[in-house]
Structures are given as C-alpha cells and as structure tokens.
Amino acid sequence: MAGKQENLLYWAWKDRMDNGMPRFCASYKMFFAHVYIQLQKMGRNWIAQKMQMQKQMEVQQGGSTHNAFVKN
C-alpha cells in the first residue's frame, strides 16, 4: 500500500503530458536560481578555506628542516 501512495505522491507534482518532467511555478524557479548562486559561493569559499588550512598544516608540520636530534 505504501508503494502505491508514494507513486501517487510522485505523480502529484509531475506532469504526465511532459513525459514526467517536473513542473515548477515561477517562484520556485526564482528560488532555485537564487540558491544555485549561493551554493556556488559557499563552494568557492569552502575550497579556499580548505586550501588555506592545508597550507597552514604544511607550514606547521613540515615547513622547517630543523631536526633537534641530529648531531652535526
């Protein structure tokens, strides 16, 4: 029974005349366009922060060749 209900809910927002493609009103399209831009910005910021953190880790861990235990 749950499968039939899920199928009915699926088709409730799909247009059968459009080969099952979703139909969205203008406000949803505007929302998705706004969210897409925001997600792109968030992705670019995340990548920049990740690269900055990686550089900091490299400097902290391996930036120096000094070894206190090696006798010269």
Protein backbone atom coordinates (compact mmCIF):
# COMPACT_ATOMS: atom_id res chain seq x y z
CA MET A 1 0.00 0.00 0.00
CA ALA A 2 2.82 2.40 0.81
CA GLY A 3 4.28 1.89 -2.67
CA LYS A 4 1.03 2.98 -4.32
CA GLN A 5 0.79 6.05 -2.10
CA GLU A 6 4.37 7.01 -2.89
CA ASN A 7 3.66 6.60 -6.60
CA LEU A 8 0.56 8.81 -6.32
CA LEU A 9 2.57 11.45 -4.47
CA TYR A 10 5.26 11.22 -7.12
CA TRP A 11 2.80 11.88 -9.92
CA ALA A 12 1.01 14.60 -7.96
CA TRP A 13 3.81 17.04 -8.79
CA LYS A 14 4.84 15.58 -12.16
CA ASP A 15 3.16 16.47 -15.45
CA ARG A 16 2.25 13.36 -17.44
CA MET A 17 1.99 15.38 -20.64
CA ASP A 18 5.62 16.50 -20.26
CA ASN A 19 7.00 12.93 -20.13
CA GLY A 20 7.12 13.02 -16.34
CA MET A 21 9.31 16.11 -16.14
CA PRO A 22 8.75 18.22 -13.02
CA ARG A 23 6.77 21.43 -13.31
CA PHE A 24 7.73 24.33 -11.10
CA CYS A 25 6.00 27.67 -10.75
CA ALA A 26 7.90 30.92 -11.31
CA SER A 27 8.57 31.42 -7.59
CA TYR A 28 10.25 28.01 -7.30
CA LYS A 29 12.36 28.76 -10.38
CA MET A 30 13.45 32.07 -8.83
CA PHE A 31 14.23 30.31 -5.54
CA PHE A 32 16.32 27.63 -7.27
CA ALA A 33 18.21 30.28 -9.25
CA HIS A 34 19.00 32.16 -6.02
CA VAL A 35 20.03 29.01 -4.16
CA TYR A 36 22.26 27.91 -7.05
CA ILE A 37 24.23 31.16 -6.86
CA GLN A 38 24.52 30.94 -3.07
CA LEU A 39 25.67 27.30 -3.21
CA GLN A 40 28.33 28.21 -5.76
CA LYS A 41 29.63 30.95 -3.45
CA MET A 42 29.63 28.59 -0.49
CA GLY A 43 31.53 26.00 -2.52
CA ARG A 44 34.18 28.50 -3.60
CA ASN A 45 34.60 29.71 -0.01
CA TRP A 46 34.86 26.15 1.28
CA ILE A 47 37.54 25.28 -1.29
CA ALA A 48 39.51 28.45 -0.45
CA GLN A 49 39.34 27.71 3.29
CA LYS A 50 40.37 24.10 2.71
CA MET A 51 43.40 25.18 0.67
CA GLN A 52 44.36 27.78 3.29
CA MET A 53 44.11 25.21 6.08
CA GLN A 54 46.19 22.75 4.06
CA LYS A 55 48.91 25.39 3.56
CA GLN A 56 48.90 26.16 7.29
CA MET A 57 49.23 22.46 8.11
CA GLU A 58 52.18 22.11 5.72
CA VAL A 59 53.93 25.10 7.29
CA GLN A 60 53.31 23.85 10.83
CA GLN A 61 54.32 20.23 10.17
CA GLY A 62 56.96 20.32 7.51
CA GLY A 63 57.94 23.90 6.93
CA SER A 64 61.23 23.53 8.76
CA THR A 65 64.07 21.09 8.08
CA HIS A 66 65.48 21.51 11.58
CA ASN A 67 65.88 18.27 13.50
CA ALA A 68 66.93 18.66 17.13
CA PHE A 69 68.11 15.05 17.40
CA VAL A 70 70.65 15.12 14.56
CA LYS A 71 74.25 15.79 15.64
CA ASN A 72 76.30 17.90 13.26
